[in-house]
Amino acid sequence: MLVSFIALTCSTFIVGLIVVMLVISPAPLYSAQVLIPIFGMILGNSMNGIALSLDRMYSEIKSHIEQVEQLLCLGASPWEAVRGQVKKAVSAGMMPTINSLMVVGLVSLPGMMTGQILAGMDPREAVRYQFVVMIMIAAAVAIGCLMIVALSYKKLFTKDMAIVEVMRKN
């Protein structure tokens, strides 16, 4: 649970601060009108990606536990033993974000962009902001997914590099 909090907090603050300070640059910098929506979008999407990654990592390792144990017996490090499952976990966590990136503007019109256009903003400017939002979300989800699997997989192994007993139970 602490690992999830760390991954979520780091991914949110790294990307959020970059976007607020370098892209938007509001005056004053601590403007709640800017910070709350930006950090809210990042947090919500990162939470989804992190949860999917963590769930997939545990299920992949559990379903391939014999293969992981064989690799450990042959001298592989814990990272080498679960690398394939970790890749699948990160891919699963990123999938909703990648899918939304593929169809934005073609099949679906994001709410922020549509709201800005309806409010009278220049459509080109609204598209630029939406582009920033989509890249911001993708970056935060990627950082969060990578962090959660990098910090969590170690908890599945004992000091002797054996899989913890909890993974073997149904």
Protein backbone atom coordinates (compact mmCIF):
# COMPACT_ATOMS: atom_id res chain seq x y z
CA MET A 1 0.00 0.00 0.00
CA LEU A 2 2.84 2.40 0.81
CA VAL A 3 4.47 1.50 -2.49
CA SER A 4 1.29 2.45 -4.37
CA PHE A 5 1.13 5.75 -2.53
CA ILE A 6 4.77 6.50 -3.39
CA ALA A 7 4.33 5.64 -7.07
CA LEU A 8 1.11 7.64 -7.33
CA THR A 9 2.53 10.66 -5.51
CA CYS A 10 5.78 10.73 -7.47
CA SER A 11 4.17 10.35 -10.87
CA THR A 12 1.57 13.01 -10.07
CA PHE A 13 4.01 15.56 -8.71
CA ILE A 14 6.76 15.04 -11.29
CA VAL A 15 4.45 15.53 -14.27
CA GLY A 16 2.16 18.03 -12.55
CA LEU A 17 4.95 20.38 -11.57
CA ILE A 18 6.53 20.22 -15.03
CA VAL A 19 3.22 21.08 -16.71
CA VAL A 20 2.27 23.82 -14.26
CA MET A 21 5.69 25.46 -14.12
CA LEU A 22 6.92 25.07 -17.70
CA VAL A 23 3.82 24.83 -19.87
CA ILE A 24 1.05 26.80 -18.18
CA SER A 25 3.05 29.16 -15.90
CA PRO A 26 0.08 30.67 -14.08
CA ALA A 27 0.37 33.85 -12.03
CA PRO A 28 0.42 33.20 -9.12
CA LEU A 29 2.10 29.82 -9.42
CA TYR A 30 -0.08 28.29 -6.69
CA SER A 31 -3.35 29.20 -8.46
CA ALA A 32 -6.00 26.69 -7.38
CA GLN A 33 -7.84 27.33 -10.64
CA VAL A 34 -4.94 25.65 -12.46
CA LEU A 35 -3.49 23.25 -9.88
CA ILE A 36 -6.68 21.41 -8.90
CA PRO A 37 -7.79 20.40 -12.44
CA ILE A 38 -4.26 19.52 -13.61
CA PHE A 39 -3.36 17.44 -10.57
CA GLY A 40 -6.85 15.90 -10.52
CA MET A 41 -6.57 14.68 -14.11
CA ILE A 42 -3.12 13.28 -13.50
CA LEU A 43 -4.05 11.61 -10.22
CA GLY A 44 -7.21 9.96 -11.54
CA ASN A 45 -5.57 8.50 -14.62
CA SER A 46 -2.40 7.44 -12.81
CA MET A 47 -4.45 5.64 -10.17
CA ASN A 48 -6.17 3.60 -12.84
CA GLY A 49 -2.90 2.66 -14.57
CA ILE A 50 -1.13 1.80 -11.33
CA ALA A 51 -3.98 -0.43 -10.17
CA LEU A 52 -4.08 -2.27 -13.50
CA SER A 53 -0.31 -2.76 -13.53
CA LEU A 54 -0.15 -4.07 -10.01
CA ASP A 55 -3.07 -6.43 -10.51
CA ARG A 56 -1.64 -7.78 -13.76
CA MET A 57 1.84 -8.23 -12.29
CA TYR A 58 0.55 -10.34 -9.40
CA SER A 59 -1.73 -12.42 -11.63
CA GLU A 60 0.98 -12.97 -14.27
CA ILE A 61 3.57 -14.05 -11.72
CA LYS A 62 1.06 -16.27 -9.95
CA SER A 63 0.01 -17.96 -13.19
CA HIS A 64 3.66 -18.48 -14.24
CA ILE A 65 5.03 -19.32 -10.81
CA GLU A 66 6.64 -22.58 -11.96
CA GLN A 67 8.56 -20.78 -14.70
CA VAL A 68 9.70 -18.05 -12.27
CA GLU A 69 10.87 -20.67 -9.76
CA GLN A 70 12.75 -22.58 -12.45
CA LEU A 71 14.56 -19.43 -13.50
CA LEU A 72 15.45 -18.72 -9.87
CA CYS A 73 16.76 -22.29 -9.46
CA LEU A 74 18.94 -21.81 -12.53
CA GLY A 75 20.57 -18.76 -10.97
CA ALA A 76 18.47 -15.91 -12.35
CA SER A 77 18.02 -12.84 -10.19
CA PRO A 78 14.47 -12.01 -9.08
CA TRP A 79 14.33 -9.27 -11.74
CA GLU A 80 15.43 -11.67 -14.49
CA ALA A 81 12.88 -14.23 -13.32
CA VAL A 82 9.90 -11.86 -13.52
CA ARG A 83 10.97 -9.52 -16.33
CA GLY A 84 8.47 -10.94 -18.84
CA GLN A 85 5.58 -10.67 -16.40
CA VAL A 86 6.60 -7.11 -15.47
CA LYS A 87 6.56 -6.08 -19.14
CA LYS A 88 3.04 -7.43 -19.49
CA ALA A 89 2.01 -5.60 -16.32
CA VAL A 90 3.30 -2.23 -17.53
CA SER A 91 1.66 -2.81 -20.89
CA ALA A 92 -1.67 -3.59 -19.23
CA GLY A 93 -1.48 -0.47 -17.08
CA MET A 94 -0.76 1.71 -20.10
CA MET A 95 -3.41 0.15 -22.35
CA PRO A 96 -6.37 2.45 -21.48
CA THR A 97 -4.19 5.53 -21.94
CA ILE A 98 -2.79 4.29 -25.25
CA ASN A 99 -6.30 3.47 -26.47
CA SER A 100 -7.55 6.94 -25.60
CA LEU A 101 -4.55 8.52 -27.37
CA MET A 102 -5.37 6.57 -30.53
CA VAL A 103 -8.93 7.84 -30.86
CA VAL A 104 -8.79 11.37 -29.44
CA GLY A 105 -10.07 13.86 -31.98
CA LEU A 106 -11.19 11.16 -34.40
CA VAL A 107 -13.75 9.09 -32.54
CA SER A 108 -14.05 10.97 -29.27
CA LEU A 109 -13.81 14.65 -28.43
CA PRO A 110 -12.34 15.11 -24.96
CA GLY A 111 -14.40 17.09 -22.48
CA MET A 112 -11.81 19.79 -21.82
CA MET A 113 -11.32 20.60 -25.48
CA THR A 114 -15.04 20.58 -26.19
CA GLY A 115 -15.71 22.80 -23.18
CA GLN A 116 -13.11 25.32 -24.28
CA ILE A 117 -14.50 25.46 -27.82
CA LEU A 118 -18.08 25.88 -26.52
CA ALA A 119 -16.85 28.66 -24.22
CA GLY A 120 -15.60 30.57 -27.27
CA MET A 121 -11.90 29.74 -27.24
CA ASP A 122 -10.04 29.43 -30.53
CA PRO A 123 -10.28 25.73 -31.55
CA ARG A 124 -6.57 25.59 -32.38
CA GLU A 125 -5.71 26.78 -28.89
CA ALA A 126 -8.13 24.25 -27.37
CA VAL A 127 -6.48 21.45 -29.37
CA ARG A 128 -3.04 22.56 -28.13
CA TYR A 129 -4.20 22.41 -24.53
CA GLN A 130 -5.78 19.01 -25.11
CA PHE A 131 -2.52 17.76 -26.61
CA VAL A 132 -0.68 18.89 -23.48
CA VAL A 133 -3.27 17.14 -21.31
CA MET A 134 -3.03 13.86 -23.22
CA ILE A 135 0.78 13.83 -23.14
CA MET A 136 0.71 14.82 -19.46
CA ILE A 137 -1.60 11.92 -18.63
CA ALA A 138 0.40 9.43 -20.71
CA ALA A 139 3.66 10.49 -19.04
CA ALA A 140 2.20 10.28 -15.54
CA VAL A 141 0.66 6.86 -16.17
CA ALA A 142 3.92 5.56 -17.65
CA ILE A 143 5.97 6.83 -14.71
CA GLY A 144 3.45 5.45 -12.21
CA CYS A 145 3.28 2.02 -13.85
CA LEU A 146 7.04 1.73 -14.07
CA MET A 147 7.49 2.83 -10.46
CA ILE A 148 4.85 0.50 -9.02
CA VAL A 149 6.26 -2.62 -10.68
CA ALA A 150 9.86 -1.63 -9.92
CA LEU A 151 9.06 -1.10 -6.25
CA SER A 152 6.64 -4.02 -5.84
CA TYR A 153 8.25 -7.01 -7.48
CA LYS A 154 10.92 -7.16 -4.77
CA LYS A 155 8.25 -7.77 -2.13
CA LEU A 156 7.41 -11.07 -3.83
CA PHE A 157 10.78 -12.57 -2.91
CA THR A 158 12.42 -13.54 0.37
CA LYS A 159 15.98 -12.67 1.35
CA ASP A 160 17.02 -16.03 -0.10
CA MET A 161 15.51 -15.06 -3.49
CA ALA A 162 12.61 -17.49 -3.20
CA ILE A 163 9.01 -16.58 -3.95
CA VAL A 164 7.04 -15.71 -0.84
CA GLU A 165 4.54 -18.33 0.29
CA VAL A 166 1.53 -16.05 -0.26
CA MET A 167 2.00 -16.27 -4.04
CA ARG A 168 1.66 -20.05 -3.99
CA LYS A 169 -1.76 -20.06 -2.31
CA ASN A 170 -4.98 -19.99 -4.31
